[in-house]
Amino acid sequence: MSSLRVSHRFPRRPASNRIDRASLRGGMVVIALLGLGALFPAVVVGAQSSANPFVGFSANPGGEGYWLVHSNGTVSAFGDANHYGDASSIRLNAGIESMASTPTGKGYWLAAADGGVFTFGDAQFFGSAANFRLVAPVRVIEATPSGAGYWLLATDGGVFAFGDAQFHGRDGPPKHALRPGATPGPGPLDDRGFAGTPSGGGYWIVRDGGVVLPFGDAERHGDPSALSPGEIVSIEGTPTGEGYWVAGADGGVFAYGDAGFFGSAHNFHPVAPVRVIEATTSGAGYWLMATDGGVFAFGDAAFHGSGTQL
C-alpha cells in the first residue's frame, strides 16, 4: 500500500528548536530555521508577482545551482548554474510556460504556451508544436533521461513527443491510451503537471484537482484528489520511479510511494502561488518555486538565491 504524508501537518518542534533570525531586505523576508534539519529549511518569500511572473525552474543536474525563467523568456541563473542565453530578446507569439535542463547541465529548453520550443547551450532542437493547431496551451516541457528528446504537455491533456521521447498516451480520449488498470479521474480536464519515469518508458500527468494518471511503465501510487487539496500545480517523480511528489499552489506537498516528505511551504503562506516542484538528484530533497520568484528548499536541496533578489 502506498503511503501518504500530507504537508499541511507538521510534527511538534522540540523546545530547543527556534527561529534564529529574520531580516527584511528590500521587501524580501529571509528566514533561517536552525535545529530543524530537513523539515524546516532556509526559505525566501518574495513580494507579489508581477505581470511577468516566474513560470519555470530547473536544477543543474551535476552541480549546486538552478535556473528560473520568466514568462517573457528571461532566464536567471543561481549557484553554479551558468547562463546560456534566453528568449527575452525574441518576439514571442505566446509567453514562456516551462523550462527543462539538459542532463549535462550545460543547456536548457524553454517552452511557450503556443508550443514553441527554444534551445540554449547544448540543448538540441527536436521539434515543436508551434505549427500544430492547439486547442489548449502548452504547460510543461520535460526532457527525456538521455536529453535526446522531450515531451510537451498541454492543459487539455495533449502530449507531444519529440526526439527519443515516446508517446504512451494522453489524458482524456482516447481512453484506451491509459495504462491497463488506470482510469481517468472525474471532473473537467485541466492538466498542470508532467513527470517522466527514469527509464523514459512512461510518465505521470496530474490534473489541477489532484488526479494522477500513469502512462507507459509509470505506476500509480495514490493522489490527493479525495482530500480537496486546492489547486494542484506540479508533479515530480523520484529517482527510482517508485514514487512521486505532488505540489499545490498553496505550497502544500503530498508524497507517495517511496517519495519522502521533507517539508512544505503551506504554513509559510506564500504571497504568490507555487508553480513548480523539482527534486534533487538524490531524491532526498526538493525545491518549490513560486510565481514571484520565491524559492523554498527542503531536505538536501540547497538554497542559492531567488527571483525576488533580482
C-alpha atoms as a PDB file:
ATOM      1  CA  MET A   1       0.000   0.000   0.000  1.00  0.00           C
ATOM      2  CA  SER A   2       1.336   3.412  -0.861  1.00  0.00           C
ATOM      3  CA  SER A   3       1.853   5.851   1.940  1.00  0.00           C
ATOM      4  CA  LEU A   4       0.720   9.451   2.114  1.00  0.00           C
ATOM      5  CA  ARG A   5       2.296  12.225   4.101  1.00  0.00           C
ATOM      6  CA  VAL A   6       0.131  15.327   3.978  1.00  0.00           C
ATOM      7  CA  SER A   7       2.095  18.523   4.028  1.00  0.00           C
ATOM      8  CA  HIS A   8      -0.463  20.526   5.931  1.00  0.00           C
ATOM      9  CA  ARG A   9       0.522  18.992   9.241  1.00  0.00           C
ATOM     10  CA  PHE A  10       3.888  19.495  10.871  1.00  0.00           C
ATOM     11  CA  PRO A  11       5.390  17.496  13.758  1.00  0.00           C
ATOM     12  CA  ARG A  12       5.665  19.433  17.011  1.00  0.00           C
ATOM     13  CA  ARG A  13       9.049  21.143  17.319  1.00  0.00           C
ATOM     14  CA  PRO A  14      11.340  20.240  20.216  1.00  0.00           C
ATOM     15  CA  ALA A  15      11.757  23.114  22.677  1.00  0.00           C
ATOM     16  CA  SER A  16      15.387  23.591  21.598  1.00  0.00           C
ATOM     17  CA  ASN A  17      14.422  24.403  18.029  1.00  0.00           C
ATOM     18  CA  ARG A  18      13.906  28.073  17.317  1.00  0.00           C
ATOM     19  CA  ILE A  19      13.786  30.747  14.659  1.00  0.00           C
ATOM     20  CA  ASP A  20      17.335  32.044  14.714  1.00  0.00           C
ATOM     21  CA  ARG A  21      16.927  35.209  12.682  1.00  0.00           C
ATOM     22  CA  ALA A  22      14.501  37.064  10.477  1.00  0.00           C
ATOM     23  CA  SER A  23      15.545  40.048   8.422  1.00  0.00           C
ATOM     24  CA  LEU A  24      13.785  42.291   5.976  1.00  0.00           C
ATOM     25  CA  ARG A  25      15.823  43.192   2.898  1.00  0.00           C
ATOM     26  CA  GLY A  26      14.235  45.204   0.148  1.00  0.00           C
ATOM     27  CA  GLY A  27      10.813  43.656   0.595  1.00  0.00           C
ATOM     28  CA  MET A  28      12.241  40.109   0.849  1.00  0.00           C
ATOM     29  CA  VAL A  29      11.909  38.146   4.066  1.00  0.00           C
ATOM     30  CA  VAL A  30      14.750  35.706   4.726  1.00  0.00           C
ATOM     31  CA  ILE A  31      14.047  33.202   7.489  1.00  0.00           C
ATOM     32  CA  ALA A  32      16.683  30.752   8.721  1.00  0.00           C
ATOM     33  CA  LEU A  33      15.434  27.981  10.969  1.00  0.00           C
ATOM     34  CA  LEU A  34      18.126  26.204  12.950  1.00  0.00           C
ATOM     35  CA  GLY A  35      17.949  22.795  14.578  1.00  0.00           C
ATOM     36  CA  LEU A  36      15.062  21.648  12.431  1.00  0.00           C
ATOM     37  CA  GLY A  37      17.054  19.594   9.943  1.00  0.00           C
ATOM     38  CA  ALA A  38      15.386  18.889   6.626  1.00  0.00           C
ATOM     39  CA  LEU A  39      11.855  19.707   7.789  1.00  0.00           C
ATOM     40  CA  PHE A  40      12.249  23.479   8.188  1.00  0.00           C
ATOM     41  CA  PRO A  41      14.966  24.631   5.755  1.00  0.00           C
ATOM     42  CA  ALA A  42      16.012  28.153   4.917  1.00  0.00           C
ATOM     43  CA  VAL A  43      13.423  29.807   2.710  1.00  0.00           C
ATOM     44  CA  VAL A  44      12.875  33.015   0.855  1.00  0.00           C
ATOM     45  CA  VAL A  45       9.429  34.520   0.410  1.00  0.00           C
ATOM     46  CA  GLY A  46       9.211  37.262  -2.156  1.00  0.00           C
ATOM     47  CA  ALA A  47       6.820  40.055  -2.927  1.00  0.00           C
ATOM     48  CA  GLN A  48       3.678  39.745  -5.006  1.00  0.00           C
ATOM     49  CA  SER A  49       4.323  38.519  -8.562  1.00  0.00           C
ATOM     50  CA  SER A  50       4.005  40.989 -11.423  1.00  0.00           C
ATOM     51  CA  ALA A  51       2.510  40.752 -14.893  1.00  0.00           C
ATOM     52  CA  ASN A  52       5.716  38.945 -15.880  1.00  0.00           C
ATOM     53  CA  PRO A  53       5.656  36.006 -13.451  1.00  0.00           C
ATOM     54  CA  PHE A  54       8.245  33.310 -12.974  1.00  0.00           C
ATOM     55  CA  VAL A  55       6.920  30.173 -14.649  1.00  0.00           C
ATOM     56  CA  GLY A  56       9.758  27.660 -14.802  1.00  0.00           C
ATOM     57  CA  PHE A  57      12.501  26.182 -12.621  1.00  0.00           C
ATOM     58  CA  SER A  58      15.199  23.648 -13.410  1.00  0.00           C
ATOM     59  CA  ALA A  59      18.055  22.407 -11.259  1.00  0.00           C
ATOM     60  CA  ASN A  60      21.601  21.950 -12.533  1.00  0.00           C
ATOM     61  CA  PRO A  61      21.845  18.124 -12.613  1.00  0.00           C
ATOM     62  CA  GLY A  62      25.571  17.977 -11.958  1.00  0.00           C
ATOM     63  CA  GLY A  63      26.071  20.811  -9.518  1.00  0.00           C
ATOM     64  CA  GLU A  64      24.810  23.198  -6.909  1.00  0.00           C
ATOM     65  CA  GLY A  65      22.540  25.620  -8.697  1.00  0.00           C
ATOM     66  CA  TYR A  66      19.367  26.166 -10.699  1.00  0.00           C
ATOM     67  CA  TRP A  67      17.669  28.367 -13.274  1.00  0.00           C
ATOM     68  CA  LEU A  68      14.422  30.345 -13.119  1.00  0.00           C
ATOM     69  CA  VAL A  69      12.580  31.671 -16.144  1.00  0.00           C
ATOM     70  CA  HIS A  70      10.054  34.499 -16.523  1.00  0.00           C
ATOM     71  CA  SER A  71       7.076  34.340 -18.853  1.00  0.00           C
ATOM     72  CA  ASN A  72       8.875  36.862 -21.099  1.00  0.00           C
ATOM     73  CA  GLY A  73      11.737  34.400 -21.594  1.00  0.00           C
ATOM     74  CA  THR A  74      14.301  35.963 -19.246  1.00  0.00           C
ATOM     75  CA  VAL A  75      16.424  33.248 -17.587  1.00  0.00           C
ATOM     76  CA  SER A  76      18.210  33.842 -14.282  1.00  0.00           C
ATOM     77  CA  ALA A  77      20.988  31.526 -13.080  1.00  0.00           C
ATOM     78  CA  PHE A  78      21.854  30.829  -9.438  1.00  0.00           C
ATOM     79  CA  GLY A  79      24.639  28.933  -7.690  1.00  0.00           C
ATOM     80  CA  ASP A  80      26.960  27.199 -10.146  1.00  0.00           C
ATOM     81  CA  ALA A  81      24.370  27.179 -12.942  1.00  0.00           C
ATOM     82  CA  ASN A  82      25.630  29.090 -15.983  1.00  0.00           C
ATOM     83  CA  HIS A  83      23.565  31.391 -18.150  1.00  0.00           C
ATOM     84  CA  TYR A  84      23.450  30.102 -21.746  1.00  0.00           C
ATOM     85  CA  GLY A  85      21.062  32.679 -23.180  1.00  0.00           C
ATOM     86  CA  ASP A  86      17.324  33.231 -23.112  1.00  0.00           C
ATOM     87  CA  ALA A  87      14.309  34.291 -25.141  1.00  0.00           C
ATOM     88  CA  SER A  88      13.951  37.795 -23.714  1.00  0.00           C
ATOM     89  CA  SER A  89      15.121  39.390 -26.982  1.00  0.00           C
ATOM     90  CA  ILE A  90      12.862  37.229 -29.143  1.00  0.00           C
ATOM     91  CA  ARG A  91       9.445  38.478 -30.210  1.00  0.00           C
ATOM     92  CA  LEU A  92       7.367  35.701 -28.684  1.00  0.00           C
ATOM     93  CA  ASN A  93       3.942  34.833 -30.048  1.00  0.00           C
ATOM     94  CA  ALA A  94       2.996  33.469 -26.621  1.00  0.00           C
ATOM     95  CA  GLY A  95       4.535  33.584 -23.189  1.00  0.00           C
ATOM     96  CA  ILE A  96       7.042  31.053 -21.887  1.00  0.00           C
ATOM     97  CA  GLU A  97       5.440  28.429 -19.646  1.00  0.00           C
ATOM     98  CA  SER A  98       8.179  25.970 -18.654  1.00  0.00           C
ATOM     99  CA  MET A  99      11.856  25.035 -18.844  1.00  0.00           C
ATOM    100  CA  ALA A 100      13.969  21.870 -18.638  1.00  0.00           C
ATOM    101  CA  SER A 101      17.730  21.432 -18.354  1.00  0.00           C
ATOM    102  CA  THR A 102      19.909  19.009 -20.288  1.00  0.00           C
ATOM    103  CA  PRO A 103      21.480  16.043 -18.438  1.00  0.00           C
ATOM    104  CA  THR A 104      24.891  17.724 -18.597  1.00  0.00           C
ATOM    105  CA  GLY A 105      23.639  20.942 -17.017  1.00  0.00           C
ATOM    106  CA  LYS A 106      25.181  22.858 -19.915  1.00  0.00           C
ATOM    107  CA  GLY A 107      21.960  23.918 -21.585  1.00  0.00           C
ATOM    108  CA  TYR A 108      18.195  24.112 -21.347  1.00  0.00           C
ATOM    109  CA  TRP A 109      14.958  24.237 -23.286  1.00  0.00           C
ATOM    110  CA  LEU A 110      12.185  26.817 -22.908  1.00  0.00           C
ATOM    111  CA  ALA A 111       8.613  26.051 -23.976  1.00  0.00           C
ATOM    112  CA  ALA A 112       5.971  28.629 -24.855  1.00  0.00           C
ATOM    113  CA  ALA A 113       2.207  28.367 -24.459  1.00  0.00           C
ATOM    114  CA  ASP A 114       1.780  28.113 -28.242  1.00  0.00           C
ATOM    115  CA  GLY A 115       4.032  25.031 -28.389  1.00  0.00           C
ATOM    116  CA  GLY A 116       7.191  26.850 -29.423  1.00  0.00           C
ATOM    117  CA  VAL A 117      10.496  25.395 -28.144  1.00  0.00           C
ATOM    118  CA  PHE A 118      13.693  27.415 -27.724  1.00  0.00           C
ATOM    119  CA  THR A 119      17.103  25.818 -27.164  1.00  0.00           C
ATOM    120  CA  PHE A 120      20.197  27.181 -25.430  1.00  0.00           C
ATOM    121  CA  GLY A 121      23.642  25.799 -24.634  1.00  0.00           C
ATOM    122  CA  ASP A 122      23.961  22.118 -25.561  1.00  0.00           C
ATOM    123  CA  ALA A 123      20.174  21.620 -25.748  1.00  0.00           C
ATOM    124  CA  GLN A 124      19.200  20.363 -29.199  1.00  0.00           C
ATOM    125  CA  PHE A 125      16.046  21.166 -31.111  1.00  0.00           C
ATOM    126  CA  PHE A 126      13.918  18.106 -31.912  1.00  0.00           C
ATOM    127  CA  GLY A 127      10.709  19.823 -32.960  1.00  0.00           C
ATOM    128  CA  SER A 128       7.856  21.840 -31.516  1.00  0.00           C
ATOM    129  CA  ALA A 129       4.087  22.117 -31.516  1.00  0.00           C
ATOM    130  CA  ALA A 130       4.084  25.719 -32.724  1.00  0.00           C
ATOM    131  CA  ASN A 131       2.716  24.736 -36.130  1.00  0.00           C
ATOM    132  CA  PHE A 132       0.033  22.490 -34.679  1.00  0.00           C
ATOM    133  CA  ARG A 133      -3.488  23.771 -34.194  1.00  0.00           C
ATOM    134  CA  LEU A 134      -3.533  23.560 -30.401  1.00  0.00           C
ATOM    135  CA  VAL A 135      -6.852  23.695 -28.609  1.00  0.00           C
ATOM    136  CA  ALA A 136      -5.209  24.377 -25.231  1.00  0.00           C
ATOM    137  CA  PRO A 137      -1.916  25.999 -24.211  1.00  0.00           C
ATOM    138  CA  VAL A 138       1.245  24.055 -23.504  1.00  0.00           C
ATOM    139  CA  ARG A 139       2.009  23.967 -19.781  1.00  0.00           C
ATOM    140  CA  VAL A 140       5.138  21.794 -19.319  1.00  0.00           C
ATOM    141  CA  ILE A 141       8.267  20.681 -21.138  1.00  0.00           C
ATOM    142  CA  GLU A 142      10.048  17.587 -19.780  1.00  0.00           C
ATOM    143  CA  ALA A 143      13.316  16.224 -21.147  1.00  0.00           C
ATOM    144  CA  THR A 144      13.987  12.507 -21.598  1.00  0.00           C
ATOM    145  CA  PRO A 145      16.712  10.936 -19.414  1.00  0.00           C
ATOM    146  CA  SER A 146      19.119  10.909 -22.362  1.00  0.00           C
ATOM    147  CA  GLY A 147      18.495  14.542 -23.273  1.00  0.00           C
ATOM    148  CA  ALA A 148      17.856  13.448 -26.849  1.00  0.00           C
ATOM    149  CA  GLY A 149      14.172  14.349 -26.749  1.00  0.00           C
ATOM    150  CA  TYR A 150      11.380  15.934 -24.772  1.00  0.00           C
ATOM    151  CA  TRP A 151       7.643  15.926 -24.166  1.00  0.00           C
ATOM    152  CA  LEU A 152       5.241  18.853 -24.162  1.00  0.00           C
ATOM    153  CA  LEU A 153       2.040  18.706 -22.097  1.00  0.00           C
ATOM    154  CA  ALA A 154      -0.967  20.874 -22.932  1.00  0.00           C
ATOM    155  CA  THR A 155      -3.603  21.708 -20.325  1.00  0.00           C
ATOM    156  CA  ASP A 156      -6.229  19.653 -22.166  1.00  0.00           C
ATOM    157  CA  GLY A 157      -4.123  16.508 -21.651  1.00  0.00           C
ATOM    158  CA  GLY A 158      -2.458  16.529 -25.042  1.00  0.00           C
ATOM    159  CA  VAL A 159       1.060  15.069 -25.068  1.00  0.00           C
ATOM    160  CA  PHE A 160       3.552  15.819 -27.847  1.00  0.00           C
ATOM    161  CA  ALA A 161       6.706  13.680 -28.074  1.00  0.00           C
ATOM    162  CA  PHE A 162       9.872  14.743 -29.891  1.00  0.00           C
ATOM    163  CA  GLY A 163      13.290  13.157 -30.431  1.00  0.00           C
ATOM    164  CA  ASP A 164      13.634   9.920 -28.468  1.00  0.00           C
ATOM    165  CA  ALA A 165      10.622  10.768 -26.289  1.00  0.00           C
ATOM    166  CA  GLN A 166       7.957   8.104 -26.702  1.00  0.00           C
ATOM    167  CA  PHE A 167       4.215   8.721 -26.727  1.00  0.00           C
ATOM    168  CA  HIS A 168       2.469   6.492 -24.186  1.00  0.00           C
ATOM    169  CA  GLY A 169      -0.942   8.133 -24.108  1.00  0.00           C
ATOM    170  CA  ARG A 170      -2.696  11.330 -23.141  1.00  0.00           C
ATOM    171  CA  ASP A 171      -5.269  12.473 -20.622  1.00  0.00           C
ATOM    172  CA  GLY A 172      -8.804  12.355 -21.941  1.00  0.00           C
ATOM    173  CA  PRO A 173      -9.903  10.490 -25.071  1.00  0.00           C
ATOM    174  CA  PRO A 174      -8.895   8.081 -26.401  1.00  0.00           C
ATOM    175  CA  LYS A 175      -9.389   6.199 -23.147  1.00  0.00           C
ATOM    176  CA  HIS A 176      -7.510   3.120 -24.411  1.00  0.00           C
ATOM    177  CA  ALA A 177      -4.271   5.116 -24.210  1.00  0.00           C
ATOM    178  CA  LEU A 178      -4.267   4.821 -20.423  1.00  0.00           C
ATOM    179  CA  ARG A 179      -2.117   2.211 -18.718  1.00  0.00           C
ATOM    180  CA  PRO A 180      -4.125  -1.012 -18.013  1.00  0.00           C
ATOM    181  CA  GLY A 181      -5.947  -0.675 -14.731  1.00  0.00           C
ATOM    182  CA  ALA A 182      -5.845   3.121 -14.735  1.00  0.00           C
ATOM    183  CA  THR A 183      -8.992   5.174 -15.230  1.00  0.00           C
ATOM    184  CA  PRO A 184      -9.426   8.875 -15.862  1.00  0.00           C
ATOM    185  CA  GLY A 185     -10.461  10.857 -12.803  1.00  0.00           C
ATOM    186  CA  PRO A 186     -13.659  12.857 -12.504  1.00  0.00           C
ATOM    187  CA  GLY A 187     -14.023  16.461 -13.488  1.00  0.00           C
ATOM    188  CA  PRO A 188     -13.028  18.578 -16.491  1.00  0.00           C
ATOM    189  CA  LEU A 189      -9.502  18.342 -17.855  1.00  0.00           C
ATOM    190  CA  ASP A 190      -7.039  20.960 -16.646  1.00  0.00           C
ATOM    191  CA  ASP A 191      -3.654  19.288 -16.614  1.00  0.00           C
ATOM    192  CA  ARG A 192      -0.901  21.103 -14.742  1.00  0.00           C
ATOM    193  CA  GLY A 193       1.997  18.718 -14.192  1.00  0.00           C
ATOM    194  CA  PHE A 194       4.011  16.106 -16.057  1.00  0.00           C
ATOM    195  CA  ALA A 195       6.917  13.903 -14.928  1.00  0.00           C
ATOM    196  CA  GLY A 196       8.753  11.217 -16.883  1.00  0.00           C
ATOM    197  CA  THR A 197       9.949   7.938 -15.383  1.00  0.00           C
ATOM    198  CA  PRO A 198      13.726   7.325 -15.035  1.00  0.00           C
ATOM    199  CA  SER A 199      13.628   4.802 -17.896  1.00  0.00           C
ATOM    200  CA  GLY A 200      11.892   7.218 -20.241  1.00  0.00           C
ATOM    201  CA  GLY A 201       9.318   4.499 -20.831  1.00  0.00           C
ATOM    202  CA  GLY A 202       6.428   6.280 -19.198  1.00  0.00           C
ATOM    203  CA  TYR A 203       5.159   9.370 -17.409  1.00  0.00           C
ATOM    204  CA  TRP A 204       2.635  10.762 -14.970  1.00  0.00           C
ATOM    205  CA  ILE A 205       0.162  13.576 -15.588  1.00  0.00           C
ATOM    206  CA  VAL A 206      -1.540  15.435 -12.740  1.00  0.00           C
ATOM    207  CA  ARG A 207      -4.698  17.483 -13.029  1.00  0.00           C
ATOM    208  CA  ASP A 208      -5.352  20.672 -11.087  1.00  0.00           C
ATOM    209  CA  GLY A 209      -7.772  18.722  -8.872  1.00  0.00           C
ATOM    210  CA  GLY A 210      -5.036  16.289  -7.837  1.00  0.00           C
ATOM    211  CA  VAL A 211      -5.874  13.274 -10.021  1.00  0.00           C
ATOM    212  CA  VAL A 212      -2.647  11.481 -11.037  1.00  0.00           C
ATOM    213  CA  LEU A 213      -2.699   9.404 -14.208  1.00  0.00           C
ATOM    214  CA  PRO A 214       0.115   6.938 -15.098  1.00  0.00           C
ATOM    215  CA  PHE A 215       1.141   6.012 -18.631  1.00  0.00           C
ATOM    216  CA  GLY A 216       3.634   3.505 -20.047  1.00  0.00           C
ATOM    217  CA  ASP A 217       5.781   1.988 -17.287  1.00  0.00           C
ATOM    218  CA  ALA A 218       4.701   4.595 -14.716  1.00  0.00           C
ATOM    219  CA  GLU A 219       2.901   3.155 -11.681  1.00  0.00           C
ATOM    220  CA  ARG A 220       0.131   4.855  -9.729  1.00  0.00           C
ATOM    221  CA  HIS A 221       0.893   5.259  -6.012  1.00  0.00           C
ATOM    222  CA  GLY A 222      -2.043   7.435  -4.990  1.00  0.00           C
ATOM    223  CA  ASP A 223      -3.061  11.069  -5.256  1.00  0.00           C
ATOM    224  CA  PRO A 224      -4.652  13.840  -3.166  1.00  0.00           C
ATOM    225  CA  SER A 225      -7.814  14.201  -5.250  1.00  0.00           C
ATOM    226  CA  ALA A 226     -10.048  12.972  -2.401  1.00  0.00           C
ATOM    227  CA  LEU A 227      -8.544  15.447   0.082  1.00  0.00           C
ATOM    228  CA  SER A 228      -9.811  18.652  -1.548  1.00  0.00           C
ATOM    229  CA  PRO A 229      -6.207  19.835  -1.798  1.00  0.00           C
ATOM    230  CA  GLY A 230      -6.900  23.080  -3.622  1.00  0.00           C
ATOM    231  CA  GLU A 231      -5.208  23.829  -6.921  1.00  0.00           C
ATOM    232  CA  ILE A 232      -2.510  21.267  -7.784  1.00  0.00           C
ATOM    233  CA  VAL A 233       0.229  22.682  -9.976  1.00  0.00           C
ATOM    234  CA  SER A 234       3.117  20.236 -10.394  1.00  0.00           C
ATOM    235  CA  ILE A 235       4.355  16.645 -10.059  1.00  0.00           C
ATOM    236  CA  GLU A 236       7.878  15.223  -9.764  1.00  0.00           C
ATOM    237  CA  GLY A 237       8.996  11.590  -9.844  1.00  0.00           C
ATOM    238  CA  THR A 238      11.565  10.025  -7.517  1.00  0.00           C
ATOM    239  CA  PRO A 239      14.928   8.838  -8.899  1.00  0.00           C
ATOM    240  CA  THR A 240      13.765   5.210  -8.638  1.00  0.00           C
ATOM    241  CA  GLY A 241      10.475   5.818 -10.417  1.00  0.00           C
ATOM    242  CA  GLU A 242       8.703   4.156  -7.488  1.00  0.00           C
ATOM    243  CA  GLY A 243       7.037   7.298  -6.209  1.00  0.00           C
ATOM    244  CA  TYR A 244       6.327  10.975  -6.767  1.00  0.00           C
ATOM    245  CA  TRP A 245       5.596  14.293  -5.135  1.00  0.00           C
ATOM    246  CA  VAL A 246       2.565  16.440  -5.935  1.00  0.00           C
ATOM    247  CA  ALA A 247       2.631  20.166  -5.126  1.00  0.00           C
ATOM    248  CA  GLY A 248      -0.213  22.605  -4.599  1.00  0.00           C
ATOM    249  CA  ALA A 249      -0.385  26.311  -5.383  1.00  0.00           C
ATOM    250  CA  ASP A 250      -0.591  26.999  -1.637  1.00  0.00           C
ATOM    251  CA  GLY A 251       2.805  25.351  -1.059  1.00  0.00           C
ATOM    252  CA  GLY A 252       1.432  22.020   0.114  1.00  0.00           C
ATOM    253  CA  VAL A 253       3.422  18.888  -0.757  1.00  0.00           C
ATOM    254  CA  PHE A 254       1.988  15.359  -0.957  1.00  0.00           C
ATOM    255  CA  ALA A 255       4.354  12.369  -1.085  1.00  0.00           C
ATOM    256  CA  TYR A 256       3.517   8.917  -2.493  1.00  0.00           C
ATOM    257  CA  GLY A 257       5.320   5.626  -2.976  1.00  0.00           C
ATOM    258  CA  ASP A 258       8.985   5.926  -1.975  1.00  0.00           C
ATOM    259  CA  ALA A 259       8.900   9.736  -2.075  1.00  0.00           C
ATOM    260  CA  GLY A 260       9.983  11.186   1.276  1.00  0.00           C
ATOM    261  CA  PHE A 261       8.252  14.151   2.862  1.00  0.00           C
ATOM    262  CA  PHE A 262      10.805  16.857   3.723  1.00  0.00           C
ATOM    263  CA  GLY A 263       8.512  19.783   4.424  1.00  0.00           C
ATOM    264  CA  SER A 264       6.261  22.228   2.617  1.00  0.00           C
ATOM    265  CA  ALA A 265       5.630  25.937   2.250  1.00  0.00           C
ATOM    266  CA  HIS A 266       1.966  25.686   3.192  1.00  0.00           C
ATOM    267  CA  ASN A 267       2.378  27.119   6.673  1.00  0.00           C
ATOM    268  CA  PHE A 268       4.614  29.900   5.367  1.00  0.00           C
ATOM    269  CA  HIS A 269       1.599  31.323   3.483  1.00  0.00           C
ATOM    270  CA  PRO A 270       3.429  32.297   0.258  1.00  0.00           C
ATOM    271  CA  VAL A 271       2.229  35.628  -1.102  1.00  0.00           C
ATOM    272  CA  ALA A 272       2.330  34.235  -4.653  1.00  0.00           C
ATOM    273  CA  PRO A 273       1.238  30.770  -5.792  1.00  0.00           C
ATOM    274  CA  VAL A 274       3.725  27.943  -6.069  1.00  0.00           C
ATOM    275  CA  ARG A 275       4.271  26.878  -9.665  1.00  0.00           C
ATOM    276  CA  VAL A 276       6.870  24.071  -9.723  1.00  0.00           C
ATOM    277  CA  ILE A 277       8.291  21.289  -7.581  1.00  0.00           C
ATOM    278  CA  GLU A 278      11.656  19.779  -8.571  1.00  0.00           C
ATOM    279  CA  ALA A 279      13.567  17.054  -6.754  1.00  0.00           C
ATOM    280  CA  THR A 280      17.291  16.872  -6.082  1.00  0.00           C
ATOM    281  CA  THR A 281      19.358  14.244  -7.883  1.00  0.00           C
ATOM    282  CA  SER A 282      19.438  12.080  -4.748  1.00  0.00           C
ATOM    283  CA  GLY A 283      15.688  12.314  -4.187  1.00  0.00           C
ATOM    284  CA  ALA A 284      16.366  13.349  -0.586  1.00  0.00           C
ATOM    285  CA  GLY A 285      15.002  16.845  -1.074  1.00  0.00           C
ATOM    286  CA  TYR A 286      13.171  19.220  -3.381  1.00  0.00           C
ATOM    287  CA  TRP A 287      12.627  22.839  -4.275  1.00  0.00           C
ATOM    288  CA  LEU A 288       9.378  24.744  -4.688  1.00  0.00           C
ATOM    289  CA  MET A 289       9.266  27.857  -6.852  1.00  0.00           C
ATOM    290  CA  ALA A 290       6.525  30.486  -6.627  1.00  0.00           C
ATOM    291  CA  THR A 291       5.458  32.834  -9.410  1.00  0.00           C
ATOM    292  CA  ASP A 292       7.085  35.802  -7.640  1.00  0.00           C
ATOM    293  CA  GLY A 293      10.440  34.010  -7.854  1.00  0.00           C
ATOM    294  CA  GLY A 294      10.429  32.806  -4.259  1.00  0.00           C
ATOM    295  CA  VAL A 295      12.403  29.565  -3.834  1.00  0.00           C
ATOM    296  CA  PHE A 296      11.796  27.137  -0.965  1.00  0.00           C
ATOM    297  CA  ALA A 297      14.456  24.478  -0.343  1.00  0.00           C
ATOM    298  CA  PHE A 298      13.763  21.279   1.631  1.00  0.00           C
ATOM    299  CA  GLY A 299      15.759  18.208   2.590  1.00  0.00           C
ATOM    300  CA  ASP A 300      19.158  18.180   0.876  1.00  0.00           C
ATOM    301  CA  ALA A 301      18.071  20.852  -1.617  1.00  0.00           C
ATOM    302  CA  ALA A 302      20.366  23.868  -1.178  1.00  0.00           C
ATOM    303  CA  PHE A 303      19.154  27.454  -1.408  1.00  0.00           C
ATOM    304  CA  HIS A 304      21.222  29.519  -3.861  1.00  0.00           C
ATOM    305  CA  GLY A 305      19.050  32.580  -4.267  1.00  0.00           C
ATOM    306  CA  SER A 306      15.650  33.547  -5.610  1.00  0.00           C
ATOM    307  CA  GLY A 307      13.996  35.713  -8.203  1.00  0.00           C
ATOM    308  CA  THR A 308      12.942  38.159  -5.504  1.00  0.00           C
ATOM    309  CA  GLN A 309      16.597  39.183  -5.192  1.00  0.00           C
ATOM    310  CA  LEU A 310      16.808  40.377  -8.806  1.00  0.00           C
END
